[in-house]
Protein backbone atom coordinates (compact mmCIF):
# COMPACT_ATOMS: atom_id res chain seq x y z
CA MET A 1 -12.87 -6.72 1.73
CA PRO A 2 -8.65 -8.43 1.33
CA GLU A 3 -6.77 -9.42 4.05
CA GLY A 4 -3.84 -10.45 5.29
CA PRO A 5 -4.00 -13.69 3.38
CA GLU A 6 -5.25 -11.70 -0.12
CA LEU A 7 -2.62 -9.15 0.13
CA HIS A 8 0.17 -12.14 0.21
CA LEU A 9 -1.39 -13.97 -2.51
CA SER A 10 -1.40 -10.93 -4.35
CA SER A 11 2.12 -10.41 -3.46
CA LEU A 12 3.27 -13.79 -5.11
CA PHE A 13 1.05 -13.66 -7.92
CA ILE A 14 2.80 -10.09 -9.25
CA ASN A 15 6.25 -11.65 -8.59
CA ASP A 16 4.78 -15.07 -11.00
CA SER A 17 3.19 -12.78 -13.11
CA VAL A 18 5.78 -10.43 -13.79
CA LYS A 19 8.72 -12.62 -13.37
CA GLY A 20 11.00 -11.78 -16.59
CA LEU A 21 9.28 -8.75 -17.71
CA ILE A 22 10.65 -5.23 -18.35
CA PHE A 23 8.95 -2.36 -18.00
CA SER A 24 8.96 1.37 -19.13
CA GLY A 25 7.75 4.60 -20.57
CA GLU A 26 4.95 6.46 -18.08
CA ILE A 27 3.36 5.23 -15.44
CA LYS A 28 -0.81 6.40 -15.21
CA LYS A 29 -3.01 6.88 -13.03
CA SER A 30 -6.61 7.51 -13.56
CA ASP A 31 -8.12 10.96 -14.17
CA VAL A 32 -10.77 9.90 -11.28
CA SER A 33 -8.44 8.82 -8.61
CA LYS A 34 -7.10 11.13 -6.13
CA ASN A 35 -4.25 9.60 -5.11
CA PRO A 36 -0.37 10.41 -6.37
CA THR A 37 1.41 10.57 -9.78
CA ILE A 38 4.42 8.28 -10.01
CA GLN A 39 7.13 9.94 -11.30
CA TRP A 40 9.38 7.49 -12.65
CA ASP A 41 12.01 8.56 -15.67
CA VAL A 42 14.09 5.83 -16.75
CA PRO A 43 14.11 4.06 -19.73
CA PHE A 44 12.80 0.48 -18.07
CA TYR A 45 12.61 -1.45 -15.19
CA THR A 46 11.76 -4.64 -13.42
CA ILE A 47 8.91 -5.22 -10.89
CA THR A 48 8.99 -7.01 -7.86
CA ALA A 49 5.60 -7.73 -5.21
CA GLU A 50 6.02 -7.95 -0.87
CA SER A 51 3.42 -8.23 1.81
CA ARG A 52 3.14 -7.47 5.43
CA GLY A 53 -0.16 -7.45 6.90
CA LYS A 54 -2.77 -5.31 5.06
CA GLU A 55 -0.49 -3.70 3.34
CA MET A 56 2.08 -4.47 -0.30
CA LYS A 57 4.71 -2.60 -1.34
CA LEU A 58 5.98 -3.22 -5.31
CA TRP A 59 9.38 -2.55 -5.85
CA LEU A 60 10.25 -1.00 -8.84
CA GLU A 61 13.89 -1.46 -9.94
CA GLU A 62 16.21 0.26 -13.44
CA TYR A 63 17.28 -1.96 -15.44
CA SER A 64 20.11 -2.02 -17.78
CA PRO A 65 20.20 -3.95 -21.00
CA LYS A 66 23.71 -3.57 -21.43
CA GLU A 67 25.54 -6.41 -19.56
CA GLY A 68 29.51 -7.04 -18.62
CA LYS A 69 29.66 -3.23 -18.29
CA GLU A 70 30.20 -1.04 -15.31
CA VAL A 71 27.31 0.89 -14.50
CA MET A 72 25.91 3.12 -11.76
CA PRO A 73 23.87 1.52 -9.18
CA PRO A 74 20.35 1.11 -10.59
CA GLN A 75 17.45 3.48 -9.59
CA LYS A 76 14.97 1.76 -6.97
CA ILE A 77 11.53 3.24 -5.62
CA SER A 78 8.98 1.36 -3.57
CA ILE A 79 5.22 1.87 -3.69
CA LEU A 80 2.81 1.23 -1.06
CA PHE A 81 -0.46 0.28 -1.19
CA ARG A 82 -3.55 -0.64 0.70
CA PHE A 83 -6.17 -2.02 -1.04
CA GLY A 84 -9.24 -0.48 0.64
CA MET A 85 -12.76 -2.60 -0.15
CA SER A 86 -12.40 -3.61 -3.37
CA GLY A 87 -8.66 -3.02 -4.61
CA CYS A 88 -6.48 -5.79 -6.87
CA PHE A 89 -4.24 -6.44 -9.49
CA LYS A 90 -4.53 -7.71 -13.04
CA LEU A 91 -2.29 -8.40 -15.25
CA SER A 92 -3.88 -8.15 -19.02
CA ILE A 93 -2.76 -7.31 -22.73
CA VAL A 94 -3.08 -3.17 -23.80
CA ASP A 95 -5.89 -3.39 -25.60
CA GLU A 96 -8.13 -5.23 -22.66
CA ILE A 97 -7.17 -3.04 -20.13
CA PRO A 98 -9.61 -3.49 -17.40
CA LYS A 99 -12.20 -1.36 -15.98
CA HIS A 100 -11.88 1.29 -12.31
CA SER A 101 -7.45 0.37 -13.52
CA HIS A 102 -6.69 3.07 -11.50
CA LEU A 103 -2.87 2.63 -11.76
CA ARG A 104 -1.18 1.44 -15.13
CA PHE A 105 2.73 -0.20 -15.57
CA PHE A 106 3.18 -1.38 -18.98
CA THR A 107 5.33 -3.69 -20.76
CA ALA A 108 8.50 -2.43 -22.86
CA LYS A 109 7.65 -2.83 -26.54
CA ASN A 110 9.96 -5.56 -27.01
CA SER A 111 9.71 -7.60 -23.62
CA VAL A 112 6.80 -9.07 -24.29
CA ASP A 113 4.05 -9.72 -27.28
CA PRO A 114 1.56 -8.58 -27.13
CA LYS A 115 2.59 -5.77 -24.98
CA GLN A 116 1.30 -6.27 -21.41
CA VAL A 117 0.21 -4.13 -18.49
CA LEU A 118 -0.26 -4.44 -14.94
CA SER A 119 -2.77 -3.02 -13.54
CA PHE A 120 -4.12 -1.85 -10.05
CA VAL A 121 -8.05 -2.52 -10.05
CA ASP A 122 -10.70 -0.77 -7.23
CA PHE A 123 -13.76 -0.30 -8.40
CA ARG A 124 -14.90 1.41 -4.93
CA ARG A 125 -12.07 3.64 -4.85
CA PHE A 126 -11.07 3.11 -0.79
CA GLY A 127 -7.64 2.10 -2.37
CA LYS A 128 -4.55 4.45 -0.89
CA TRP A 129 -0.53 3.79 -2.59
CA GLU A 130 2.28 6.24 -1.22
CA VAL A 131 5.68 6.96 -3.06
CA ASN A 132 8.67 5.71 -1.17
CA VAL A 133 7.06 5.74 2.54
CA ASP A 134 7.89 2.48 4.90
CA TRP A 135 5.36 0.22 6.53
CA GLY A 136 2.67 2.02 8.68
CA SER A 137 3.87 2.65 11.69
CA ASP A 138 0.49 1.78 13.58
CA ARG A 139 1.01 -1.56 12.04
CA GLY A 140 2.59 -4.75 13.82
CA PRO A 141 4.12 -7.57 12.63
CA CYS A 142 2.17 -9.80 9.89
CA PRO A 143 1.49 -12.67 11.55
CA ILE A 144 2.12 -14.99 8.05
CA THR A 145 5.61 -13.90 7.33
CA ASP A 146 6.54 -12.21 10.76
CA TYR A 147 4.93 -14.81 13.24
CA GLU A 148 6.88 -15.11 16.21
CA ASN A 149 7.37 -10.91 16.19
CA PHE A 150 3.54 -10.67 16.28
CA ARG A 151 2.89 -13.02 19.26
CA HIS A 152 6.01 -10.77 21.07
CA ASN A 153 4.26 -7.57 20.16
CA ILE A 154 0.68 -8.76 21.61
CA VAL A 155 2.38 -10.63 24.73
CA ASN A 156 4.67 -7.97 25.68
CA ASN A 157 1.64 -5.55 25.67
CA LEU A 158 -0.98 -7.24 27.08
CA GLU A 159 -1.12 -4.77 29.62
CA ASN A 160 -1.75 -1.81 27.59
CA SER A 161 -5.00 -0.29 27.84
CA ALA A 162 -5.41 -1.90 23.93
CA PHE A 163 -6.61 -5.03 25.70
CA LYS A 164 -8.26 -3.97 29.32
CA ASN A 165 -12.49 -3.77 28.91
CA LYS A 166 -12.34 -4.66 25.26
CA ALA A 167 -14.35 -7.49 23.49
CA ILE A 168 -11.72 -10.22 21.84
CA CYS A 169 -13.42 -9.68 18.76
CA GLU A 170 -13.06 -5.96 18.73
CA VAL A 171 -9.24 -6.28 19.87
CA LEU A 172 -8.86 -8.88 17.12
CA LEU A 173 -9.12 -5.69 14.30
CA ASN A 174 -6.86 -4.04 16.01
CA GLN A 175 -4.58 -2.90 13.38
CA LYS A 176 -1.91 -2.14 15.60
CA TYR A 177 -1.27 -5.96 17.14
CA PHE A 178 -3.24 -7.76 15.01
CA ASN A 179 -2.04 -6.48 11.46
CA GLY A 180 -3.82 -8.55 8.64
CA ILE A 181 -7.11 -9.69 10.63
CA GLY A 182 -10.64 -9.18 9.24
CA ASN A 183 -14.12 -10.10 9.49
CA TYR A 184 -13.84 -13.23 8.24
CA LEU A 185 -10.75 -13.96 10.15
CA ARG A 186 -11.65 -12.94 13.51
CA ALA A 187 -15.23 -14.73 12.77
CA GLU A 188 -12.64 -18.28 12.10
CA ILE A 189 -10.24 -17.91 14.85
CA LEU A 190 -12.65 -17.31 17.48
CA PHE A 191 -14.68 -19.86 16.63
CA ARG A 192 -11.60 -22.47 16.95
CA SER A 193 -10.59 -21.23 19.57
CA LYS A 194 -13.68 -21.77 21.58
CA ILE A 195 -14.01 -18.35 22.53
CA ALA A 196 -17.11 -16.20 23.13
CA PRO A 197 -16.69 -12.64 20.43
CA PHE A 198 -17.72 -10.32 23.63
CA ASP A 199 -15.16 -11.96 26.25
CA ASP A 200 -12.38 -9.83 27.57
CA ALA A 201 -9.74 -9.73 25.31
CA TYR A 202 -7.14 -9.36 28.07
CA ASN A 203 -8.74 -12.04 30.48
CA VAL A 204 -8.61 -14.30 27.43
CA LEU A 205 -5.62 -13.95 25.81
CA CYS A 206 -3.20 -13.69 29.27
CA ASP A 207 -4.68 -17.50 29.41
CA TRP A 208 -2.24 -17.72 26.22
CA LYS A 209 0.87 -15.83 27.21
CA HIS A 210 3.28 -18.54 27.92
CA ALA A 211 1.66 -21.23 25.75
CA ALA A 212 4.10 -22.56 23.64
CA MET A 213 5.47 -20.53 20.14
CA TYR A 214 4.48 -23.44 17.81
CA PRO A 215 1.34 -26.09 19.67
CA ILE A 216 1.57 -29.96 18.91
CA LYS A 217 -0.92 -30.59 17.44
CA THR A 218 -3.69 -33.40 18.15
CA ASP A 219 -6.94 -35.42 16.24
CA ASN A 220 -9.07 -36.66 18.37
CA VAL A 221 -12.40 -37.56 17.57
CA ALA A 222 -14.28 -33.99 18.24
CA GLY A 223 -11.17 -32.49 15.76
CA PRO A 224 -7.64 -30.62 16.28
CA SER A 225 -7.75 -29.78 19.52
CA ILE A 226 -5.77 -26.52 19.06
CA GLN A 227 -7.35 -23.22 20.25
CA ASP A 228 -4.39 -20.95 21.02
CA PRO A 229 -5.89 -17.92 19.34
CA LEU A 230 -2.95 -16.25 18.21
CA TYR A 231 -1.47 -19.47 16.87
CA LEU A 232 -4.71 -19.20 15.49
CA CYS A 233 -3.99 -16.15 13.70
CA HIS A 234 -0.98 -17.85 11.91
CA ALA A 235 -2.15 -21.49 10.58
CA ILE A 236 -5.63 -19.68 10.00
CA CYS A 237 -4.00 -17.48 7.28
CA SER A 238 -1.39 -20.52 6.46
CA GLU A 239 -4.76 -22.40 5.05
CA VAL A 240 -6.63 -19.31 2.77
CA LEU A 241 -2.78 -19.65 1.48
CA LYS A 242 -3.35 -23.08 0.70
CA LEU A 243 -6.67 -22.58 -1.03
CA SER A 244 -4.33 -21.66 -3.78
CA VAL A 245 -2.78 -24.47 -3.87
CA GLY A 246 -3.71 -26.54 -7.47
CA TYR A 247 -4.62 -24.18 -9.57
CA GLY A 248 -2.34 -21.80 -11.20
CA VAL A 249 -2.70 -18.08 -13.50
CA GLU A 250 -3.15 -20.24 -16.15
CA ALA A 251 -5.24 -23.11 -14.98
CA GLY A 252 -7.60 -20.26 -13.32
CA LEU A 253 -9.54 -21.33 -10.00
CA LYS A 254 -9.80 -25.53 -9.78
CA GLU A 255 -13.32 -25.65 -7.82
CA ASN A 256 -15.31 -22.15 -7.36
CA GLY A 257 -16.52 -22.85 -3.95
CA SER A 258 -13.17 -23.72 -2.41
CA PHE A 259 -13.58 -20.37 0.01
CA GLU A 260 -17.20 -21.25 0.44
CA LYS A 261 -16.39 -24.88 1.76
CA TRP A 262 -13.22 -23.65 4.11
CA LEU A 263 -14.96 -21.35 5.76
CA ARG A 264 -16.88 -22.33 9.10
CA CYS A 265 -18.57 -19.45 10.91
CA TYR A 266 -17.71 -16.39 9.22
CA GLN A 267 -21.63 -15.94 6.79
CA ASN A 268 -22.60 -19.68 7.85
CA PRO A 269 -26.91 -19.37 8.28
CA ARG A 270 -26.55 -22.11 11.00
CA MET A 271 -24.18 -19.73 13.46
CA LYS A 272 -25.33 -16.33 15.35
CA SER A 273 -24.26 -13.16 14.82
CA LEU A 274 -24.19 -9.19 16.56
CA THR A 275 -22.49 -6.48 15.55
CA ASP A 276 -19.84 -4.62 17.83
CA ARG A 277 -19.09 -1.06 19.12
CA ASN A 278 -17.89 -0.33 15.43
CA LYS A 279 -21.24 -1.72 13.22
CA ARG A 280 -18.78 -4.72 11.94
CA THR A 281 -21.28 -8.24 12.17
CA ILE A 282 -19.27 -10.76 14.50
CA TRP A 283 -20.74 -14.52 13.32
CA PHE A 284 -20.29 -16.81 16.43
CA ASP A 285 -20.94 -20.49 17.51
CA GLY A 286 -22.57 -20.61 21.71
CA VAL A 287 -23.33 -17.21 23.64
CA PRO A 288 -22.36 -14.42 23.09
CA GLY A 289 -20.06 -13.10 25.78
CA PRO A 290 -20.44 -10.63 28.60
CA LEU A 291 -19.40 -6.86 26.71
CA VAL A 292 -22.15 -7.35 24.06
CA PRO A 293 -23.23 -3.31 23.22
CA ASN A 294 -26.19 -2.27 23.95
CA ASP A 295 -26.59 -1.55 20.80
CA SER A 296 -25.91 -3.88 19.16
CA ASN A 297 -28.25 -6.06 16.14
CA THR A 298 -28.62 -8.98 14.66
CA ARG A 299 -27.59 -9.56 10.84
CA ARG A 300 -31.15 -11.64 9.55
CA PRO A 301 -30.51 -12.82 6.16
CA LYS A 302 -32.56 -11.09 3.73
CA THR A 303 -34.66 -11.99 0.91
CA LYS A 304 -33.61 -10.85 -2.09
CA ARG A 305 -36.13 -10.51 -5.92
CA ARG A 306 -34.07 -10.99 -8.24
CA ILE A 307 -34.98 -11.30 -12.36
CA VAL A 308 -34.49 -15.09 -14.08
CA GLU A 309 -34.02 -14.50 -17.78
CA ASN A 310 -35.45 -17.53 -19.53
CA VAL A 311 -35.07 -18.01 -23.11
CA VAL A 312 -38.65 -19.37 -24.93
CA GLU A 313 -37.98 -20.26 -28.56
CA LYS A 314 -41.27 -19.81 -30.79
CA SER A 315 -42.18 -22.93 -33.20
CA VAL A 316 -42.89 -21.24 -36.02
CA THR A 317 -40.76 -18.11 -36.81
CA GLY A 318 -37.71 -19.75 -35.07
CA VAL A 319 -37.50 -16.24 -33.01
CA LYS A 320 -36.06 -16.31 -29.70
CA ALA A 321 -37.79 -13.64 -27.36
CA ARG A 322 -36.83 -13.53 -24.05
CA LYS A 323 -39.59 -14.17 -20.79
CA ARG A 324 -38.44 -12.48 -17.72
CA ASN A 325 -39.81 -14.17 -14.39
CA THR A 326 -39.59 -12.85 -11.22
CA VAL A 327 -37.99 -15.11 -8.55
CA THR A 328 -38.28 -14.27 -4.37
CA GLU A 329 -37.21 -17.48 -2.84
CA SER A 330 -33.53 -16.67 -1.81
CA THR A 331 -32.82 -20.35 -1.18
CA GLU A 332 -33.65 -21.40 -5.39
CA LEU A 333 -31.52 -18.95 -6.07
CA ARG A 334 -28.71 -20.21 -4.18
CA ALA A 335 -28.82 -23.50 -5.65
CA SER A 336 -29.56 -22.34 -9.65
CA SER A 337 -25.78 -22.47 -11.39
CA ARG A 338 -27.94 -19.91 -13.59
CA ILE A 339 -27.35 -17.15 -11.52
CA PRO A 340 -24.20 -16.00 -11.12
CA THR A 341 -22.30 -15.57 -7.80
CA ARG A 342 -20.30 -12.21 -7.08
CA ARG A 343 -16.86 -12.88 -5.97
CA SER A 344 -14.83 -10.56 -3.35
CA PRO A 345 -11.63 -9.25 -3.75
CA ARG A 346 -10.94 -12.64 -0.96
CA PHE A 347 -11.04 -15.31 -3.73
CA ALA A 348 -8.13 -16.61 -5.52
CA HIS A 349 -6.60 -15.18 -9.19
CA VAL A 350 -9.07 -16.10 -11.77
CA LEU A 351 -8.32 -16.58 -15.67
CA ASP A 352 -10.81 -14.38 -16.98
CA LEU A 353 -13.02 -15.30 -19.94
CA LYS A 354 -10.81 -12.03 -21.66
CA GLY A 355 -7.02 -13.43 -20.78
CA GLU A 356 -6.69 -11.02 -17.67
CA GLN A 357 -5.09 -12.67 -15.00
CA THR A 358 -6.19 -11.49 -11.72
CA PHE A 359 -5.76 -11.13 -8.05
């Protein structure tokens, strides 16, 4: 599921990709989408984007090609997106509109050749959008772009029942205070903080109530010494953003495994795992803490059966035939470069073989 850094990178991708492009015409919604139709009756418009935690806004502003003449203030609307489980944006040419594209913005006829389309793509269809609404009132400040207010919002509300007798791993998913923090981020934050996932949230956060807003980082033999979980909400998100440095829309992903290599705890087979009260899996090292639910289960790695296709050439006829072999050991599959890896939306934008720019 896309988390705060992914939505922030999506906004950066959109701003960079559509800079200088002029859009026009009907904003088309797919027939299967239950989200609202966008009524935007202007000849031409531009698009910009901004993010706040797990929400992102597109700003559509009327564009006038008339220069040097007095015109009325341009019309402007906003579209608030929540990406759900698999939402992302893609920029492609009109002839190669991605599958599962549910909202499309088309460039003007003379803006760029060939004509392009910015699409909101969501194959699971959990993503939502609304027109001309404010940021969600049930979501707190963004730890990426508004870290100081993000921290104040938590520290000033520690006496709230949301923090009392609750496991810290569950509280970290409360978007009213930890906007943008999701499953992989909470695992990495708690791991570096050396905090047990089922420790009491109130006790844990009270220990850092009077800590410096920006701690001084000192390295030692054991590694970075910063263990402030509130600061790490900001710092770890920033690390994810930095993973996109070194590759761009044209170059694509410089190193496919960069995100996996960055992860220290989440889905690490050497770590332990348990489900919280909401049946979300938390990965951790060491003891789990005192507030483990009675019905908590360990997530066990599953052995998958996959079909591997090998091409066998018949030496006599020269005709290629395919022989299907079943491979049962998951460790061999992971090591094989011939088995494609299904990438989640958390990975950075790539330039695929069709020329689609994705995030």
